[in-house]
C-alpha atoms as a PDB file:
ATOM      1  CA  MET A   1      31.105  -0.102  36.570  1.00  0.00           C
ATOM      2  CA  ALA A   2      28.792  -3.098  37.023  1.00  0.00           C
ATOM      3  CA  GLY A   3      26.025  -1.178  35.281  1.00  0.00           C
ATOM      4  CA  SER A   4      28.313  -0.430  32.334  1.00  0.00           C
ATOM      5  CA  ARG A   5      29.295  -4.096  32.020  1.00  0.00           C
ATOM      6  CA  ALA A   6      25.626  -5.102  32.079  1.00  0.00           C
ATOM      7  CA  LEU A   7      24.769  -2.614  29.332  1.00  0.00           C
ATOM      8  CA  ALA A   8      27.700  -3.809  27.243  1.00  0.00           C
ATOM      9  CA  ALA A   9      26.638  -7.430  27.684  1.00  0.00           C
ATOM     10  CA  ALA A  10      23.072  -6.594  26.700  1.00  0.00           C
ATOM     11  CA  ALA A  11      24.283  -4.761  23.614  1.00  0.00           C
ATOM     12  CA  LEU A  12      26.458  -7.732  22.639  1.00  0.00           C
ATOM     13  CA  LEU A  13      23.539 -10.127  23.091  1.00  0.00           C
ATOM     14  CA  ALA A  14      21.249  -7.950  20.976  1.00  0.00           C
ATOM     15  CA  ALA A  15      23.855  -7.813  18.227  1.00  0.00           C
ATOM     16  CA  THR A  16      24.102 -11.597  18.060  1.00  0.00           C
ATOM     17  CA  LEU A  17      20.366 -12.297  18.025  1.00  0.00           C
ATOM     18  CA  PRO A  18      18.750 -12.835  14.608  1.00  0.00           C
ATOM     19  CA  ALA A  19      16.746  -9.891  13.298  1.00  0.00           C
ATOM     20  CA  ARG A  20      12.976 -10.196  13.279  1.00  0.00           C
ATOM     21  CA  ALA A  21      11.823 -11.304   9.836  1.00  0.00           C
ATOM     22  CA  ASP A  22       9.341  -8.469   9.548  1.00  0.00           C
ATOM     23  CA  GLY A  23      11.461  -5.775  11.173  1.00  0.00           C
ATOM     24  CA  PRO A  24       9.177  -3.168  12.755  1.00  0.00           C
ATOM     25  CA  PHE A  25       6.129  -4.465  10.869  1.00  0.00           C
ATOM     26  CA  ILE A  26       3.293  -6.874  11.548  1.00  0.00           C
ATOM     27  CA  ASP A  27       0.978  -8.862   9.307  1.00  0.00           C
ATOM     28  CA  ALA A  28      -2.089  -6.639   9.050  1.00  0.00           C
ATOM     29  CA  ALA A  29      -4.341  -9.618   8.289  1.00  0.00           C
ATOM     30  CA  THR A  30      -3.836 -10.765  11.881  1.00  0.00           C
ATOM     31  CA  ARG A  31      -5.101  -7.442  13.260  1.00  0.00           C
ATOM     32  CA  VAL A  32      -7.736  -6.156  10.824  1.00  0.00           C
ATOM     33  CA  PRO A  33     -11.097  -7.970  10.981  1.00  0.00           C
ATOM     34  CA  GLY A  34     -12.202  -9.406   7.652  1.00  0.00           C
ATOM     35  CA  LEU A  35      -9.266  -7.941   5.713  1.00  0.00           C
ATOM     36  CA  ALA A  36      -9.030  -9.287   2.162  1.00  0.00           C
ATOM     37  CA  VAL A  37      -5.467  -9.460   0.855  1.00  0.00           C
ATOM     38  CA  GLU A  38      -4.632  -9.350  -2.853  1.00  0.00           C
ATOM     39  CA  MET A  39      -1.006  -8.287  -3.016  1.00  0.00           C
ATOM     40  CA  ARG A  40      -0.649  -7.434  -6.680  1.00  0.00           C
ATOM     41  CA  TYR A  41       3.115  -6.940  -6.724  1.00  0.00           C
ATOM     42  CA  ALA A  42       3.761 -10.449  -5.415  1.00  0.00           C
ATOM     43  CA  GLY A  43       2.286 -11.795  -8.663  1.00  0.00           C
ATOM     44  CA  SER A  44       1.967 -10.796 -12.314  1.00  0.00           C
ATOM     45  CA  ASP A  45      -1.363  -8.935 -12.296  1.00  0.00           C
ATOM     46  CA  ASN A  46       0.170  -5.467 -12.093  1.00  0.00           C
ATOM     47  CA  PHE A  47       1.346  -2.685 -14.402  1.00  0.00           C
ATOM     48  CA  VAL A  48       4.767  -4.313 -14.876  1.00  0.00           C
ATOM     49  CA  GLY A  49       3.357  -7.782 -15.578  1.00  0.00           C
ATOM     50  CA  ARG A  50       5.615  -9.827 -13.288  1.00  0.00           C
ATOM     51  CA  PRO A  51       6.442 -10.196  -9.569  1.00  0.00           C
ATOM     52  CA  ILE A  52       8.287  -7.149  -8.255  1.00  0.00           C
ATOM     53  CA  ALA A  53      11.650  -7.288  -6.478  1.00  0.00           C
ATOM     54  CA  GLY A  54      11.266  -7.681  -2.717  1.00  0.00           C
ATOM     55  CA  TYR A  55       7.797  -9.262  -2.769  1.00  0.00           C
ATOM     56  CA  GLU A  56       8.497 -12.859  -1.805  1.00  0.00           C
ATOM     57  CA  ALA A  57       5.085 -13.558  -0.238  1.00  0.00           C
ATOM     58  CA  PRO A  58       1.576 -12.083  -0.622  1.00  0.00           C
ATOM     59  CA  ARG A  59       1.504 -10.489   2.832  1.00  0.00           C
ATOM     60  CA  CYS A  60       0.319  -7.054   3.933  1.00  0.00           C
ATOM     61  CA  LEU A  61       2.984  -5.806   6.336  1.00  0.00           C
ATOM     62  CA  LEU A  62       2.368  -2.540   8.197  1.00  0.00           C
ATOM     63  CA  THR A  63       3.555  -0.735  11.294  1.00  0.00           C
ATOM     64  CA  PRO A  64       1.433  -1.674  14.325  1.00  0.00           C
ATOM     65  CA  GLN A  65       0.087   1.877  14.365  1.00  0.00           C
ATOM     66  CA  ALA A  66      -1.091   1.698  10.762  1.00  0.00           C
ATOM     67  CA  ALA A  67      -2.603  -1.751  11.308  1.00  0.00           C
ATOM     68  CA  ALA A  68      -4.516  -0.469  14.343  1.00  0.00           C
ATOM     69  CA  ALA A  69      -5.843   2.483  12.354  1.00  0.00           C
ATOM     70  CA  LEU A  70      -6.825   0.193   9.489  1.00  0.00           C
ATOM     71  CA  SER A  71      -8.675  -2.008  11.980  1.00  0.00           C
ATOM     72  CA  LYS A  72     -10.595   1.061  13.127  1.00  0.00           C
ATOM     73  CA  ALA A  73     -11.621   1.825   9.546  1.00  0.00           C
ATOM     74  CA  ALA A  74     -12.653  -1.795   8.937  1.00  0.00           C
ATOM     75  CA  THR A  75     -14.755  -1.859  12.106  1.00  0.00           C
ATOM     76  CA  ALA A  76     -16.597   1.297  11.056  1.00  0.00           C
ATOM     77  CA  LEU A  77     -17.248  -0.046   7.550  1.00  0.00           C
ATOM     78  CA  ALA A  78     -18.495  -3.394   8.886  1.00  0.00           C
ATOM     79  CA  ARG A  79     -21.564  -1.601  10.241  1.00  0.00           C
ATOM     80  CA  GLU A  80     -22.480  -0.881   6.598  1.00  0.00           C
ATOM     81  CA  GLY A  81     -21.819  -4.436   5.482  1.00  0.00           C
ATOM     82  CA  LEU A  82     -18.535  -3.406   3.886  1.00  0.00           C
ATOM     83  CA  GLY A  83     -14.931  -4.484   4.274  1.00  0.00           C
ATOM     84  CA  LEU A  84     -11.461  -3.638   2.979  1.00  0.00           C
ATOM     85  CA  LYS A  85      -9.245  -5.304   0.396  1.00  0.00           C
ATOM     86  CA  VAL A  86      -5.562  -4.313   0.281  1.00  0.00           C
ATOM     87  CA  PHE A  87      -3.486  -4.357  -2.907  1.00  0.00           C
ATOM     88  CA  ASP A  88      -0.225  -3.042  -1.457  1.00  0.00           C
ATOM     89  CA  CYS A  89       1.109  -2.211   1.986  1.00  0.00           C
ATOM     90  CA  TYR A  90       4.764  -1.943   3.015  1.00  0.00           C
ATOM     91  CA  ARG A  91       6.966  -1.737  -0.105  1.00  0.00           C
ATOM     92  CA  PRO A  92      10.707  -2.471   0.080  1.00  0.00           C
ATOM     93  CA  LEU A  93      13.132   0.060  -1.383  1.00  0.00           C
ATOM     94  CA  ARG A  94      14.258  -2.535  -3.911  1.00  0.00           C
ATOM     95  CA  ALA A  95      10.701  -2.654  -5.245  1.00  0.00           C
ATOM     96  CA  VAL A  96      10.650   1.131  -5.661  1.00  0.00           C
ATOM     97  CA  ALA A  97      13.904   0.862  -7.612  1.00  0.00           C
ATOM     98  CA  ASP A  98      12.401  -1.924  -9.720  1.00  0.00           C
ATOM     99  CA  PHE A  99       9.445   0.300 -10.636  1.00  0.00           C
ATOM    100  CA  ALA A 100      11.750   3.200 -11.511  1.00  0.00           C
ATOM    101  CA  ALA A 101      13.928   1.018 -13.746  1.00  0.00           C
ATOM    102  CA  TRP A 102      10.819  -0.321 -15.517  1.00  0.00           C
ATOM    103  CA  ALA A 103       9.511   3.210 -16.068  1.00  0.00           C
ATOM    104  CA  ARG A 104      12.765   4.172 -17.791  1.00  0.00           C
ATOM    105  CA  ASP A 105      12.480   1.322 -20.287  1.00  0.00           C
ATOM    106  CA  PRO A 106      10.316   2.648 -23.155  1.00  0.00           C
ATOM    107  CA  ALA A 107      10.233  -0.729 -24.883  1.00  0.00           C
ATOM    108  CA  ASP A 108       8.397  -2.553 -22.067  1.00  0.00           C
ATOM    109  CA  THR A 109       4.742  -1.673 -22.583  1.00  0.00           C
ATOM    110  CA  LYS A 110       3.091  -5.098 -22.438  1.00  0.00           C
ATOM    111  CA  MET A 111       0.653  -4.024 -19.704  1.00  0.00           C
ATOM    112  CA  ARG A 112      -0.226  -0.660 -21.197  1.00  0.00           C
ATOM    113  CA  LYS A 113      -3.723  -1.626 -22.356  1.00  0.00           C
ATOM    114  CA  ALA A 114      -4.785  -2.686 -18.865  1.00  0.00           C
ATOM    115  CA  TYR A 115      -3.020  -0.063 -16.739  1.00  0.00           C
ATOM    116  CA  TYR A 116      -2.079   3.069 -18.683  1.00  0.00           C
ATOM    117  CA  PRO A 117      -3.907   3.102 -22.034  1.00  0.00           C
ATOM    118  CA  ASP A 118      -4.252   6.887 -22.161  1.00  0.00           C
ATOM    119  CA  VAL A 119      -0.895   7.930 -20.665  1.00  0.00           C
ATOM    120  CA  ASP A 120       2.490   7.955 -22.365  1.00  0.00           C
ATOM    121  CA  LYS A 121       4.877   5.846 -20.305  1.00  0.00           C
ATOM    122  CA  ARG A 122       7.484   8.597 -20.567  1.00  0.00           C
ATOM    123  CA  ASP A 123       5.184  10.844 -18.493  1.00  0.00           C
ATOM    124  CA  LEU A 124       4.681   8.486 -15.533  1.00  0.00           C
ATOM    125  CA  PHE A 125       7.320  10.219 -13.372  1.00  0.00           C
ATOM    126  CA  ARG A 126       6.086  13.710 -14.230  1.00  0.00           C
ATOM    127  CA  LEU A 127       2.473  12.828 -13.491  1.00  0.00           C
ATOM    128  CA  GLY A 128       3.320  11.300 -10.115  1.00  0.00           C
ATOM    129  CA  TYR A 129       2.339   7.696 -10.842  1.00  0.00           C
ATOM    130  CA  ILE A 130       5.951   6.482 -10.475  1.00  0.00           C
ATOM    131  CA  ALA A 131       8.481   8.022  -8.083  1.00  0.00           C
ATOM    132  CA  GLU A 132      12.062   7.530  -6.940  1.00  0.00           C
ATOM    133  CA  ARG A 133      10.770   7.369  -3.358  1.00  0.00           C
ATOM    134  CA  SER A 134       7.562   5.930  -1.949  1.00  0.00           C
ATOM    135  CA  ALA A 135       5.654   6.475   1.264  1.00  0.00           C
ATOM    136  CA  HIS A 136       4.953   2.738   1.181  1.00  0.00           C
ATOM    137  CA  SER A 137       8.577   2.066   2.173  1.00  0.00           C
ATOM    138  CA  ARG A 138       7.893   3.663   5.556  1.00  0.00           C
ATOM    139  CA  GLY A 139       5.328   0.975   6.366  1.00  0.00           C
ATOM    140  CA  SER A 140       2.268   3.117   7.089  1.00  0.00           C
ATOM    141  CA  THR A 141       0.779   3.530   3.615  1.00  0.00           C
ATOM    142  CA  VAL A 142      -1.836   1.265   2.037  1.00  0.00           C
ATOM    143  CA  ASP A 143      -3.478   0.846  -1.365  1.00  0.00           C
ATOM    144  CA  LEU A 144      -6.956  -0.574  -0.959  1.00  0.00           C
ATOM    145  CA  THR A 145     -10.602  -0.671  -1.972  1.00  0.00           C
ATOM    146  CA  LEU A 146     -14.036  -1.466  -0.568  1.00  0.00           C
ATOM    147  CA  VAL A 147     -15.652  -4.905  -0.746  1.00  0.00           C
ATOM    148  CA  ARG A 148     -19.014  -6.344   0.227  1.00  0.00           C
ATOM    149  CA  ARG A 149     -18.624  -8.503   3.303  1.00  0.00           C
ATOM    150  CA  VAL A 150     -21.361 -10.882   2.187  1.00  0.00           C
ATOM    151  CA  ASP A 151     -19.520 -12.091  -0.935  1.00  0.00           C
ATOM    152  CA  GLY A 152     -16.177 -10.263  -1.093  1.00  0.00           C
ATOM    153  CA  GLY A 153     -17.085  -8.462  -4.308  1.00  0.00           C
ATOM    154  CA  GLU A 154     -15.376  -5.146  -4.968  1.00  0.00           C
ATOM    155  CA  LEU A 155     -17.456  -1.984  -5.127  1.00  0.00           C
ATOM    156  CA  ASP A 156     -17.350   0.076  -8.310  1.00  0.00           C
ATOM    157  CA  MET A 157     -14.679   2.757  -7.955  1.00  0.00           C
ATOM    158  CA  GLY A 158     -14.815   4.024 -11.525  1.00  0.00           C
ATOM    159  CA  THR A 159     -11.314   2.859 -12.415  1.00  0.00           C
ATOM    160  CA  PRO A 160      -9.391  -0.267 -11.419  1.00  0.00           C
ATOM    161  CA  PHE A 161      -6.542  -0.203  -8.928  1.00  0.00           C
ATOM    162  CA  ASP A 162      -3.341   1.217 -10.436  1.00  0.00           C
ATOM    163  CA  ARG A 163      -5.041   2.644 -13.531  1.00  0.00           C
ATOM    164  CA  PHE A 164      -2.690   5.505 -14.411  1.00  0.00           C
ATOM    165  CA  SER A 165      -5.280   8.033 -15.496  1.00  0.00           C
ATOM    166  CA  PRO A 166      -6.697  11.400 -14.427  1.00  0.00           C
ATOM    167  CA  ASP A 167      -9.947   9.497 -13.889  1.00  0.00           C
ATOM    168  CA  SER A 168      -8.317   7.748 -10.902  1.00  0.00           C
ATOM    169  CA  ALA A 169      -8.013  11.007  -8.981  1.00  0.00           C
ATOM    170  CA  PRO A 170     -10.417  10.902  -6.006  1.00  0.00           C
ATOM    171  CA  ALA A 171     -12.027  14.171  -7.072  1.00  0.00           C
ATOM    172  CA  SER A 172     -12.527  13.196 -10.732  1.00  0.00           C
ATOM    173  CA  THR A 173     -16.025  13.846 -12.049  1.00  0.00           C
ATOM    174  CA  ALA A 174     -15.421  11.667 -15.115  1.00  0.00           C
ATOM    175  CA  VAL A 175     -16.614   8.524 -13.324  1.00  0.00           C
ATOM    176  CA  ALA A 176     -20.226   7.580 -12.579  1.00  0.00           C
ATOM    177  CA  PRO A 177     -22.046   8.964  -9.511  1.00  0.00           C
ATOM    178  CA  GLU A 178     -22.071   5.548  -7.825  1.00  0.00           C
ATOM    179  CA  ALA A 179     -18.304   5.281  -8.148  1.00  0.00           C
ATOM    180  CA  ARG A 180     -17.836   8.798  -6.773  1.00  0.00           C
ATOM    181  CA  ALA A 181     -20.038   7.892  -3.809  1.00  0.00           C
ATOM    182  CA  ASN A 182     -17.991   4.757  -3.151  1.00  0.00           C
ATOM    183  CA  ARG A 183     -14.776   6.755  -3.278  1.00  0.00           C
ATOM    184  CA  ARG A 184     -16.228   9.138  -0.717  1.00  0.00           C
ATOM    185  CA  ARG A 185     -17.183   6.188   1.510  1.00  0.00           C
ATOM    186  CA  LEU A 186     -13.653   4.828   1.405  1.00  0.00           C
ATOM    187  CA  ARG A 187     -12.097   8.219   2.006  1.00  0.00           C
ATOM    188  CA  ALA A 188     -14.401   9.015   4.926  1.00  0.00           C
ATOM    189  CA  ALA A 189     -13.605   5.713   6.630  1.00  0.00           C
ATOM    190  CA  MET A 190      -9.863   6.106   6.133  1.00  0.00           C
ATOM    191  CA  GLU A 191      -9.732   9.750   7.180  1.00  0.00           C
ATOM    192  CA  GLY A 192     -11.864   8.929  10.212  1.00  0.00           C
ATOM    193  CA  ALA A 193      -9.272   6.331  11.206  1.00  0.00           C
ATOM    194  CA  GLY A 194      -6.340   8.741  10.870  1.00  0.00           C
ATOM    195  CA  PHE A 195      -5.200   8.383   7.246  1.00  0.00           C
ATOM    196  CA  SER A 196      -4.618  11.056   4.598  1.00  0.00           C
ATOM    197  CA  PRO A 197      -5.541  10.535   0.920  1.00  0.00           C
ATOM    198  CA  TYR A 198      -3.405  11.093  -2.191  1.00  0.00           C
ATOM    199  CA  ALA A 199      -4.727  13.510  -4.796  1.00  0.00           C
ATOM    200  CA  ALA A 200      -3.870  11.334  -7.826  1.00  0.00           C
ATOM    201  CA  GLU A 201      -5.105   7.916  -6.647  1.00  0.00           C
ATOM    202  CA  TRP A 202      -8.402   7.043  -4.961  1.00  0.00           C
ATOM    203  CA  TRP A 203      -6.854   3.867  -3.433  1.00  0.00           C
ATOM    204  CA  HIS A 204      -3.791   5.399  -1.712  1.00  0.00           C
ATOM    205  CA  PHE A 205      -3.738   6.454   1.979  1.00  0.00           C
ATOM    206  CA  THR A 206      -0.961   7.272   4.447  1.00  0.00           C
ATOM    207  CA  LEU A 207      -1.266   7.308   8.236  1.00  0.00           C
ATOM    208  CA  ARG A 208      -1.081  10.931   9.366  1.00  0.00           C
ATOM    209  CA  ARG A 209       0.914  10.194  12.512  1.00  0.00           C
ATOM    210  CA  GLU A 210       3.171   7.561  11.008  1.00  0.00           C
ATOM    211  CA  PRO A 211       5.957   6.302  13.297  1.00  0.00           C
ATOM    212  CA  PHE A 212       8.728   6.481  10.660  1.00  0.00           C
ATOM    213  CA  PRO A 213       8.112   9.719   8.713  1.00  0.00           C
ATOM    214  CA  ASN A 214      11.765  10.028   7.703  1.00  0.00           C
ATOM    215  CA  ARG A 215      12.886   6.418   7.424  1.00  0.00           C
ATOM    216  CA  ALA A 216      12.455   3.941   4.576  1.00  0.00           C
ATOM    217  CA  PHE A 217      13.088   0.184   4.784  1.00  0.00           C
ATOM    218  CA  ASP A 218      14.324  -2.488   2.409  1.00  0.00           C
ATOM    219  CA  LEU A 219      13.329  -5.691   4.228  1.00  0.00           C
ATOM    220  CA  PRO A 220      11.783  -8.154   1.752  1.00  0.00           C
ATOM    221  CA  VAL A 221       8.140  -9.114   2.214  1.00  0.00           C
ATOM    222  CA  ARG A 222       8.231 -12.774   3.304  1.00  0.00           C
END
């Protein structure tokens, strides 16, 4: 009986405590050596052209497991004088819904020239560039590129981040040999740290043994 009362009291206390601001996530910049953070969806330099719902601060939130794996990749790349720059990490469900609503609005094409010059906006769902669900909402997926540690400059990847184009596929032979080599460098480092690539985007990787494979979150990024 005493044990039951203790459990009930503990449950009541837990229910009255404020939730952690980041939920099950941590700020990856505090765990990954030399990580450069350029959270595109917290600003206007993205394919929509404005801050996206749920991004209230330019922070890279990830599960501790994903952050640890990303640290492993960064440590390996540092030996080559390279580092990582993240463009997106955990993505709230409200942001995914914001993207989907934008994709269904044929009149909003102000960022087409920079992000999808060769793709009809009506095909973004079919081609897999926009989806109703995103692995990012599980907190173990990152969009990123390689940078030089000496000056922070990005390596040539053939296409910019979020360019909706067949040329952005990791296996595309339409980009220059140097860019293909840099894509292979990034992929090797990420796969060696436990991530899997995405066939349509050279920048997108998901932790293979992610802790929340069937759960998405909607906590805002603050």
